Protein backbone atom coordinates (compact mmCIF):
# COMPACT_ATOMS: atom_id res chain seq x y z
CA UNK A 1 0.00 0.00 0.00
CA UNK A 2 1.31 3.40 -0.95
CA UNK A 3 -0.05 6.72 0.25
CA UNK A 4 0.42 10.35 -0.58
CA UNK A 5 -0.92 13.54 0.92
CA UNK A 6 -2.61 16.55 -0.55
CA UNK A 7 -2.13 19.44 1.91
CA UNK A 8 -3.92 22.76 1.43
CA UNK A 9 -1.12 24.97 2.74
CA UNK A 10 -3.17 28.16 2.63
CA UNK A 11 -5.92 26.68 4.81
CA UNK A 12 -3.37 25.50 7.40
CA UNK A 13 -3.21 27.65 10.55
CA UNK A 14 0.10 26.14 11.68
CA UNK A 15 -1.15 24.40 14.82
CA UNK A 16 1.22 21.44 14.26
CA UNK A 17 -1.18 18.77 15.51
CA UNK A 18 -0.67 16.67 12.38
CA UNK A 19 3.10 16.83 12.87
CA UNK A 20 2.78 15.88 16.53
CA UNK A 21 0.53 12.87 15.91
CA UNK A 22 2.15 11.41 12.77
CA UNK A 23 3.50 8.03 13.93
CA UNK A 24 6.22 7.88 11.25
CA UNK A 25 7.17 11.59 11.40
CA UNK A 26 6.21 12.06 7.75
CA UNK A 27 5.01 15.61 8.39
CA UNK A 28 6.97 18.69 9.39
CA UNK A 29 6.36 22.41 9.59
CA UNK A 30 7.61 24.44 6.66
CA UNK A 31 10.13 27.21 7.14
CA UNK A 32 8.10 29.25 4.63
CA UNK A 33 4.85 31.08 5.39
CA UNK A 34 1.45 30.62 3.78
CA UNK A 35 -1.08 33.32 2.86
CA UNK A 36 -2.09 33.54 6.54
CA UNK A 37 1.50 34.39 7.45
CA UNK A 38 2.16 31.19 9.41
CA UNK A 39 4.33 28.12 8.81
CA UNK A 40 2.32 25.29 7.26
CA UNK A 41 2.47 21.51 7.42
CA UNK A 42 4.32 19.74 4.64
CA UNK A 43 5.57 16.26 3.86
CA UNK A 44 9.00 15.26 5.10
CA UNK A 45 10.58 13.88 1.93
CA UNK A 46 12.91 11.61 3.94
CA UNK A 47 10.05 9.38 5.09
CA UNK A 48 7.14 7.46 3.58
CA UNK A 49 3.48 8.00 4.42
CA UNK A 50 1.74 4.84 5.64
CA UNK A 51 -1.76 6.16 4.93
CA UNK A 52 -2.91 5.73 8.54
CA UNK A 53 -5.02 8.91 8.34
CA UNK A 54 -4.20 10.29 11.79
CA UNK A 55 -3.17 13.63 10.28
CA UNK A 56 -6.45 13.84 8.39
CA UNK A 57 -8.44 13.03 11.50
CA UNK A 58 -6.63 15.42 13.85
CA UNK A 59 -6.52 18.46 11.53
CA UNK A 60 -9.06 20.99 12.86
CA UNK A 61 -9.21 22.86 9.53
CA UNK A 62 -9.53 19.88 7.17
CA UNK A 63 -6.33 20.78 5.31
CA UNK A 64 -5.14 17.24 4.63
CA UNK A 65 -6.37 14.66 2.16
CA UNK A 66 -4.83 11.18 2.31
CA UNK A 67 -4.75 9.33 -1.01
CA UNK A 68 -4.10 5.61 -0.64
CA UNK A 69 -3.23 3.33 -3.54
CA UNK A 70 -4.37 -0.11 -2.49
CA UNK A 71 -2.59 -2.30 -5.02
CA UNK A 72 -0.69 -2.40 -8.30
CA UNK A 73 -3.87 -1.92 -10.31
CA UNK A 74 -3.80 1.71 -9.20
CA UNK A 75 -7.12 1.69 -7.36
CA UNK A 76 -7.24 4.69 -5.05
CA UNK A 77 -9.41 5.81 -2.24
CA UNK A 78 -9.33 9.05 -0.33
CA UNK A 79 -9.72 9.82 3.35
PDB file of N, CA and C in Angstrom:
ATOM      1  N   UNK A   1       0.841  -1.167   0.000  1.00  0.00           N
ATOM      2  CA  UNK A   1       0.000   0.000   0.000  1.00  0.00           C
ATOM      3  C   UNK A   1       0.893   1.239   0.000  1.00  0.00           C
ATOM      4  N   UNK A   2       0.577   2.144  -0.884  1.00  0.00           N
ATOM      5  CA  UNK A   2       1.308   3.404  -0.947  1.00  0.00           C
ATOM      6  C   UNK A   2       0.328   4.536  -0.676  1.00  0.00           C
ATOM      7  N   UNK A   3       0.811   5.580  -0.054  1.00  0.00           N
ATOM      8  CA  UNK A   3      -0.052   6.720   0.251  1.00  0.00           C
ATOM      9  C   UNK A   3       0.672   8.009  -0.064  1.00  0.00           C
ATOM     10  N   UNK A   4      -0.120   9.014  -0.393  1.00  0.00           N
ATOM     11  CA  UNK A   4       0.419  10.352  -0.581  1.00  0.00           C
ATOM     12  C   UNK A   4      -0.572  11.333   0.013  1.00  0.00           C
ATOM     13  N   UNK A   5      -0.090  12.529   0.287  1.00  0.00           N
ATOM     14  CA  UNK A   5      -0.918  13.537   0.921  1.00  0.00           C
ATOM     15  C   UNK A   5      -1.145  14.717  -0.003  1.00  0.00           C
ATOM     16  N   UNK A   6      -2.300  15.299   0.106  1.00  0.00           N
ATOM     17  CA  UNK A   6      -2.610  16.555  -0.548  1.00  0.00           C
ATOM     18  C   UNK A   6      -2.903  17.532   0.589  1.00  0.00           C
ATOM     19  N   UNK A   7      -1.999  18.500   0.803  1.00  0.00           N
ATOM     20  CA  UNK A   7      -2.128  19.442   1.910  1.00  0.00           C
ATOM     21  C   UNK A   7      -2.457  20.823   1.353  1.00  0.00           C
ATOM     22  N   UNK A   8      -3.544  21.403   1.816  1.00  0.00           N
ATOM     23  CA  UNK A   8      -3.917  22.758   1.426  1.00  0.00           C
ATOM     24  C   UNK A   8      -3.162  23.713   2.345  1.00  0.00           C
ATOM     25  N   UNK A   9      -2.006  24.173   1.889  1.00  0.00           N
ATOM     26  CA  UNK A   9      -1.120  24.967   2.743  1.00  0.00           C
ATOM     27  C   UNK A   9      -1.730  26.303   3.138  1.00  0.00           C
ATOM     28  N   UNK A  10      -2.588  26.866   2.305  1.00  0.00           N
ATOM     29  CA  UNK A  10      -3.170  28.164   2.634  1.00  0.00           C
ATOM     30  C   UNK A  10      -4.316  28.062   3.638  1.00  0.00           C
ATOM     31  N   UNK A  11      -4.886  26.889   3.794  1.00  0.00           N
ATOM     32  CA  UNK A  11      -5.924  26.683   4.805  1.00  0.00           C
ATOM     33  C   UNK A  11      -5.295  26.379   6.171  1.00  0.00           C
ATOM     34  N   UNK A  12      -4.070  25.896   6.173  1.00  0.00           N
ATOM     35  CA  UNK A  12      -3.371  25.502   7.402  1.00  0.00           C
ATOM     36  C   UNK A  12      -3.140  26.717   8.304  1.00  0.00           C
ATOM     37  N   UNK A  13      -3.441  26.561   9.602  1.00  0.00           N
ATOM     38  CA  UNK A  13      -3.209  27.646  10.555  1.00  0.00           C
ATOM     39  C   UNK A  13      -1.931  27.429  11.366  1.00  0.00           C
ATOM     40  N   UNK A  14      -1.201  26.374  11.048  1.00  0.00           N
ATOM     41  CA  UNK A  14       0.095  26.143  11.676  1.00  0.00           C
ATOM     42  C   UNK A  14       0.049  25.596  13.084  1.00  0.00           C
ATOM     43  N   UNK A  15      -1.025  24.915  13.442  1.00  0.00           N
ATOM     44  CA  UNK A  15      -1.145  24.400  14.818  1.00  0.00           C
ATOM     45  C   UNK A  15      -0.153  23.273  15.112  1.00  0.00           C
ATOM     46  N   UNK A  16       0.236  22.505  14.076  1.00  0.00           N
ATOM     47  CA  UNK A  16       1.217  21.442  14.256  1.00  0.00           C
ATOM     48  C   UNK A  16       0.679  20.140  14.808  1.00  0.00           C
ATOM     49  N   UNK A  17      -0.631  20.017  14.973  1.00  0.00           N
ATOM     50  CA  UNK A  17      -1.183  18.772  15.513  1.00  0.00           C
ATOM     51  C   UNK A  17      -0.869  17.577  14.618  1.00  0.00           C
ATOM     52  N   UNK A  18      -0.952  17.769  13.312  1.00  0.00           N
ATOM     53  CA  UNK A  18      -0.666  16.672  12.384  1.00  0.00           C
ATOM     54  C   UNK A  18       0.782  16.207  12.522  1.00  0.00           C
ATOM     55  N   UNK A  19       1.680  17.158  12.699  1.00  0.00           N
ATOM     56  CA  UNK A  19       3.100  16.834  12.867  1.00  0.00           C
ATOM     57  C   UNK A  19       3.299  16.058  14.166  1.00  0.00           C
ATOM     58  N   UNK A  20       2.662  16.505  15.220  1.00  0.00           N
ATOM     59  CA  UNK A  20       2.784  15.878  16.533  1.00  0.00           C
ATOM     60  C   UNK A  20       2.277  14.436  16.544  1.00  0.00           C
ATOM     61  N   UNK A  21       1.165  14.178  15.849  1.00  0.00           N
ATOM     62  CA  UNK A  21       0.530  12.867  15.908  1.00  0.00           C
ATOM     63  C   UNK A  21       0.934  11.894  14.801  1.00  0.00           C
ATOM     64  N   UNK A  22       1.723  12.327  13.825  1.00  0.00           N
ATOM     65  CA  UNK A  22       2.147  11.409  12.766  1.00  0.00           C
ATOM     66  C   UNK A  22       3.073  10.349  13.344  1.00  0.00           C
ATOM     67  N   UNK A  23       2.691   9.074  13.302  1.00  0.00           N
ATOM     68  CA  UNK A  23       3.500   8.027  13.933  1.00  0.00           C
ATOM     69  C   UNK A  23       4.837   7.760  13.238  1.00  0.00           C
ATOM     70  N   UNK A  24       4.962   8.136  11.966  1.00  0.00           N
ATOM     71  CA  UNK A  24       6.217   7.885  11.249  1.00  0.00           C
ATOM     72  C   UNK A  24       6.982   9.182  10.960  1.00  0.00           C
ATOM     73  N   UNK A  25       6.523  10.281  11.560  1.00  0.00           N
ATOM     74  CA  UNK A  25       7.168  11.594  11.403  1.00  0.00           C
ATOM     75  C   UNK A  25       7.291  11.995   9.934  1.00  0.00           C
ATOM     76  N   UNK A  26       6.228  11.722   9.172  1.00  0.00           N
ATOM     77  CA  UNK A  26       6.210  12.061   7.751  1.00  0.00           C
ATOM     78  C   UNK A  26       5.867  13.530   7.512  1.00  0.00           C
ATOM     79  N   UNK A  27       5.359  14.204   8.527  1.00  0.00           N
ATOM     80  CA  UNK A  27       5.006  15.613   8.389  1.00  0.00           C
ATOM     81  C   UNK A  27       5.952  16.488   9.200  1.00  0.00           C
ATOM     82  N   UNK A  28       6.156  17.694   8.701  1.00  0.00           N
ATOM     83  CA  UNK A  28       6.971  18.686   9.388  1.00  0.00           C
ATOM     84  C   UNK A  28       6.398  20.063   9.082  1.00  0.00           C
ATOM     85  N   UNK A  29       6.796  21.044   9.844  1.00  0.00           N
ATOM     86  CA  UNK A  29       6.357  22.411   9.591  1.00  0.00           C
ATOM     87  C   UNK A  29       7.345  23.065   8.630  1.00  0.00           C
ATOM     88  N   UNK A  30       6.795  23.759   7.659  1.00  0.00           N
ATOM     89  CA  UNK A  30       7.610  24.441   6.659  1.00  0.00           C
ATOM     90  C   UNK A  30       8.312  25.641   7.288  1.00  0.00           C
ATOM     91  N   UNK A  31       9.441  25.992   6.721  1.00  0.00           N
ATOM     92  CA  UNK A  31      10.132  27.210   7.140  1.00  0.00           C
ATOM     93  C   UNK A  31       9.524  28.424   6.440  1.00  0.00           C
ATOM     94  N   UNK A  32       8.762  28.190   5.376  1.00  0.00           N
ATOM     95  CA  UNK A  32       8.096  29.254   4.632  1.00  0.00           C
ATOM     96  C   UNK A  32       6.745  29.559   5.270  1.00  0.00           C
ATOM     97  N   UNK A  33       6.153  30.675   4.876  1.00  0.00           N
ATOM     98  CA  UNK A  33       4.854  31.080   5.395  1.00  0.00           C
ATOM     99  C   UNK A  33       3.791  30.968   4.310  1.00  0.00           C
ATOM    100  N   UNK A  34       2.562  30.680   4.727  1.00  0.00           N
ATOM    101  CA  UNK A  34       1.449  30.619   3.781  1.00  0.00           C
ATOM    102  C   UNK A  34       0.773  31.986   3.679  1.00  0.00           C
ATOM    103  N   UNK A  35      -0.382  32.042   3.043  1.00  0.00           N
ATOM    104  CA  UNK A  35      -1.081  33.315   2.859  1.00  0.00           C
ATOM    105  C   UNK A  35      -1.596  33.894   4.180  1.00  0.00           C
ATOM    106  N   UNK A  36      -1.687  33.061   5.212  1.00  0.00           N
ATOM    107  CA  UNK A  36      -2.094  33.539   6.544  1.00  0.00           C
ATOM    108  C   UNK A  36      -0.902  34.117   7.320  1.00  0.00           C
ATOM    109  N   UNK A  37       0.297  33.905   6.782  1.00  0.00           N
ATOM    110  CA  UNK A  37       1.500  34.388   7.445  1.00  0.00           C
ATOM    111  C   UNK A  37       2.030  33.462   8.519  1.00  0.00           C
ATOM    112  N   UNK A  38       1.695  32.177   8.426  1.00  0.00           N
ATOM    113  CA  UNK A  38       2.160  31.195   9.411  1.00  0.00           C
ATOM    114  C   UNK A  38       2.850  30.029   8.700  1.00  0.00           C
ATOM    115  N   UNK A  39       3.752  29.339   9.394  1.00  0.00           N
ATOM    116  CA  UNK A  39       4.332  28.120   8.809  1.00  0.00           C
ATOM    117  C   UNK A  39       3.229  27.089   8.611  1.00  0.00           C
ATOM    118  N   UNK A  40       3.351  26.281   7.583  1.00  0.00           N
ATOM    119  CA  UNK A  40       2.320  25.293   7.264  1.00  0.00           C
ATOM    120  C   UNK A  40       2.911  23.889   7.287  1.00  0.00           C
ATOM    121  N   UNK A  41       2.040  22.910   7.431  1.00  0.00           N
ATOM    122  CA  UNK A  41       2.471  21.513   7.421  1.00  0.00           C
ATOM    123  C   UNK A  41       2.863  21.097   6.011  1.00  0.00           C
ATOM    124  N   UNK A  42       3.889  20.283   5.933  1.00  0.00           N
ATOM    125  CA  UNK A  42       4.318  19.739   4.642  1.00  0.00           C
ATOM    126  C   UNK A  42       4.882  18.341   4.878  1.00  0.00           C
ATOM    127  N   UNK A  43       5.018  17.608   3.772  1.00  0.00           N
ATOM    128  CA  UNK A  43       5.570  16.258   3.863  1.00  0.00           C
ATOM    129  C   UNK A  43       7.079  16.319   4.064  1.00  0.00           C
ATOM    130  N   UNK A  44       7.568  15.426   4.899  1.00  0.00           N
ATOM    131  CA  UNK A  44       8.998  15.258   5.097  1.00  0.00           C
ATOM    132  C   UNK A  44       9.451  14.258   4.032  1.00  0.00           C
ATOM    133  N   UNK A  45      10.208  14.719   3.075  1.00  0.00           N
ATOM    134  CA  UNK A  45      10.583  13.878   1.927  1.00  0.00           C
ATOM    135  C   UNK A  45      11.487  12.705   2.305  1.00  0.00           C
ATOM    136  N   UNK A  46      12.032  12.700   3.513  1.00  0.00           N
ATOM    137  CA  UNK A  46      12.906  11.606   3.941  1.00  0.00           C
ATOM    138  C   UNK A  46      12.166  10.408   4.499  1.00  0.00           C
ATOM    139  N   UNK A  47      10.838  10.466   4.529  1.00  0.00           N
ATOM    140  CA  UNK A  47      10.051   9.379   5.090  1.00  0.00           C
ATOM    141  C   UNK A  47       8.927   9.000   4.124  1.00  0.00           C
ATOM    142  N   UNK A  48       8.259   7.912   4.415  1.00  0.00           N
ATOM    143  CA  UNK A  48       7.144   7.464   3.578  1.00  0.00           C
ATOM    144  C   UNK A  48       5.855   7.473   4.388  1.00  0.00           C
ATOM    145  N   UNK A  49       4.799   7.973   3.781  1.00  0.00           N
ATOM    146  CA  UNK A  49       3.482   7.995   4.417  1.00  0.00           C
ATOM    147  C   UNK A  49       2.894   6.582   4.404  1.00  0.00           C
ATOM    148  N   UNK A  50       2.349   6.172   5.540  1.00  0.00           N
ATOM    149  CA  UNK A  50       1.743   4.842   5.639  1.00  0.00           C
ATOM    150  C   UNK A  50       0.252   4.859   5.317  1.00  0.00           C
ATOM    151  N   UNK A  51      -0.336   6.060   5.231  1.00  0.00           N
ATOM    152  CA  UNK A  51      -1.757   6.163   4.935  1.00  0.00           C
ATOM    153  C   UNK A  51      -2.652   5.900   6.129  1.00  0.00           C
ATOM    154  N   UNK A  52      -2.127   6.028   7.341  1.00  0.00           N
ATOM    155  CA  UNK A  52      -2.914   5.725   8.541  1.00  0.00           C
ATOM    156  C   UNK A  52      -4.079   6.697   8.733  1.00  0.00           C
ATOM    157  N   UNK A  53      -3.933   7.934   8.264  1.00  0.00           N
ATOM    158  CA  UNK A  53      -5.016   8.906   8.341  1.00  0.00           C
ATOM    159  C   UNK A  53      -5.100   9.700   9.631  1.00  0.00           C
ATOM    160  N   UNK A  54      -4.151   9.531  10.548  1.00  0.00           N
ATOM    161  CA  UNK A  54      -4.201  10.293  11.793  1.00  0.00           C
ATOM    162  C   UNK A  54      -4.115  11.796  11.541  1.00  0.00           C
ATOM    163  N   UNK A  55      -3.299  12.199  10.587  1.00  0.00           N
ATOM    164  CA  UNK A  55      -3.166  13.629  10.275  1.00  0.00           C
ATOM    165  C   UNK A  55      -4.489  14.187   9.771  1.00  0.00           C
ATOM    166  N   UNK A  56      -5.142  13.447   8.926  1.00  0.00           N
ATOM    167  CA  UNK A  56      -6.448  13.839   8.387  1.00  0.00           C
ATOM    168  C   UNK A  56      -7.476  13.978   9.498  1.00  0.00           C
ATOM    169  N   UNK A  57      -7.465  13.042  10.426  1.00  0.00           N
ATOM    170  CA  UNK A  57      -8.444  13.030  11.504  1.00  0.00           C
ATOM    171  C   UNK A  57      -8.204  14.130  12.532  1.00  0.00           C
ATOM    172  N   UNK A  58      -6.956  14.459  12.800  1.00  0.00           N
ATOM    173  CA  UNK A  58      -6.634  15.424  13.849  1.00  0.00           C
ATOM    174  C   UNK A  58      -6.668  16.863  13.361  1.00  0.00           C
ATOM    175  N   UNK A  59      -6.581  17.095  12.066  1.00  0.00           N
ATOM    176  CA  UNK A  59      -6.515  18.460  11.528  1.00  0.00           C
ATOM    177  C   UNK A  59      -7.835  19.199  11.763  1.00  0.00           C
ATOM    178  N   UNK A  60      -7.816  20.280  12.563  1.00  0.00           N
ATOM    179  CA  UNK A  60      -9.061  20.994  12.858  1.00  0.00           C
ATOM    180  C   UNK A  60      -9.598  21.808  11.679  1.00  0.00           C
ATOM    181  N   UNK A  61      -8.781  22.048  10.664  1.00  0.00           N
ATOM    182  CA  UNK A  61      -9.207  22.863   9.531  1.00  0.00           C
ATOM    183  C   UNK A  61      -9.360  22.074   8.236  1.00  0.00           C
ATOM    184  N   UNK A  62      -9.322  20.765   8.328  1.00  0.00           N
ATOM    185  CA  UNK A  62      -9.528  19.884   7.165  1.00  0.00           C
ATOM    186  C   UNK A  62      -8.599  20.250   6.012  1.00  0.00           C
ATOM    187  N   UNK A  63      -7.333  20.393   6.306  1.00  0.00           N
ATOM    188  CA  UNK A  63      -6.334  20.783   5.305  1.00  0.00           C
ATOM    189  C   UNK A  63      -5.716  19.599   4.580  1.00  0.00           C
ATOM    190  N   UNK A  64      -5.894  18.403   5.115  1.00  0.00           N
ATOM    191  CA  UNK A  64      -5.145  17.243   4.627  1.00  0.00           C
ATOM    192  C   UNK A  64      -6.069  16.209   4.015  1.00  0.00           C
ATOM    193  N   UNK A  65      -5.683  15.751   2.843  1.00  0.00           N
ATOM    194  CA  UNK A  65      -6.370  14.659   2.158  1.00  0.00           C
ATOM    195  C   UNK A  65      -5.343  13.538   2.006  1.00  0.00           C
ATOM    196  N   UNK A  66      -5.701  12.339   2.429  1.00  0.00           N
ATOM    197  CA  UNK A  66      -4.826  11.175   2.309  1.00  0.00           C
ATOM    198  C   UNK A  66      -5.310  10.359   1.118  1.00  0.00           C
ATOM    199  N   UNK A  67      -4.414  10.108   0.186  1.00  0.00           N
ATOM    200  CA  UNK A  67      -4.750   9.332  -1.006  1.00  0.00           C
ATOM    201  C   UNK A  67      -3.977   8.021  -0.928  1.00  0.00           C
ATOM    202  N   UNK A  68      -4.706   6.928  -0.827  1.00  0.00           N
ATOM    203  CA  UNK A  68      -4.095   5.610  -0.642  1.00  0.00           C
ATOM    204  C   UNK A  68      -4.282   4.782  -1.900  1.00  0.00           C
ATOM    205  N   UNK A  69      -3.185   4.261  -2.414  1.00  0.00           N
ATOM    206  CA  UNK A  69      -3.229   3.328  -3.542  1.00  0.00           C
ATOM    207  C   UNK A  69      -3.165   1.934  -2.950  1.00  0.00           C
ATOM    208  N   UNK A  70      -4.234   1.196  -3.132  1.00  0.00           N
ATOM    209  CA  UNK A  70      -4.368  -0.112  -2.488  1.00  0.00           C
ATOM    210  C   UNK A  70      -3.484  -1.204  -3.081  1.00  0.00           C
ATOM    211  N   UNK A  71      -3.360  -1.220  -4.401  1.00  0.00           N
ATOM    212  CA  UNK A  71      -2.595  -2.303  -5.022  1.00  0.00           C
ATOM    213  C   UNK A  71      -1.995  -1.829  -6.334  1.00  0.00           C
ATOM    214  N   UNK A  72      -1.350  -2.752  -7.049  1.00  0.00           N
ATOM    215  CA  UNK A  72      -0.686  -2.396  -8.297  1.00  0.00           C
ATOM    216  C   UNK A  72      -1.648  -1.975  -9.400  1.00  0.00           C
ATOM    217  N   UNK A  73      -2.912  -2.302  -9.282  1.00  0.00           N
ATOM    218  CA  UNK A  73      -3.872  -1.923 -10.314  1.00  0.00           C
ATOM    219  C   UNK A  73      -4.159  -0.420 -10.294  1.00  0.00           C
ATOM    220  N   UNK A  74      -3.654   0.264  -9.269  1.00  0.00           N
ATOM    221  CA  UNK A  74      -3.800   1.710  -9.202  1.00  0.00           C
ATOM    222  C   UNK A  74      -5.110   2.172  -8.589  1.00  0.00           C
ATOM    223  N   UNK A  75      -5.884   1.272  -8.003  1.00  0.00           N
ATOM    224  CA  UNK A  75      -7.124   1.691  -7.364  1.00  0.00           C
ATOM    225  C   UNK A  75      -6.786   2.606  -6.190  1.00  0.00           C
ATOM    226  N   UNK A  76      -7.485   3.722  -6.118  1.00  0.00           N
ATOM    227  CA  UNK A  76      -7.243   4.689  -5.054  1.00  0.00           C
ATOM    228  C   UNK A  76      -8.498   4.917  -4.246  1.00  0.00           C
ATOM    229  N   UNK A  77      -8.313   5.273  -3.006  1.00  0.00           N
ATOM    230  CA  UNK A  77      -9.412   5.813  -2.240  1.00  0.00           C
ATOM    231  C   UNK A  77      -8.865   6.935  -1.380  1.00  0.00           C
ATOM    232  N   UNK A  78      -9.741   7.855  -1.060  1.00  0.00           N
ATOM    233  CA  UNK A  78      -9.334   9.054  -0.325  1.00  0.00           C
ATOM    234  C   UNK A  78      -9.962   9.072   1.050  1.00  0.00           C
ATOM    235  N   UNK A  79      -9.221   9.626   1.987  1.00  0.00           N
ATOM    236  CA  UNK A  79      -9.724   9.817   3.346  1.00  0.00           C
ATOM    237  C   UNK A  79      -9.923  11.284   3.565  1.00  0.00           C
TER     238      UNK A  79
END
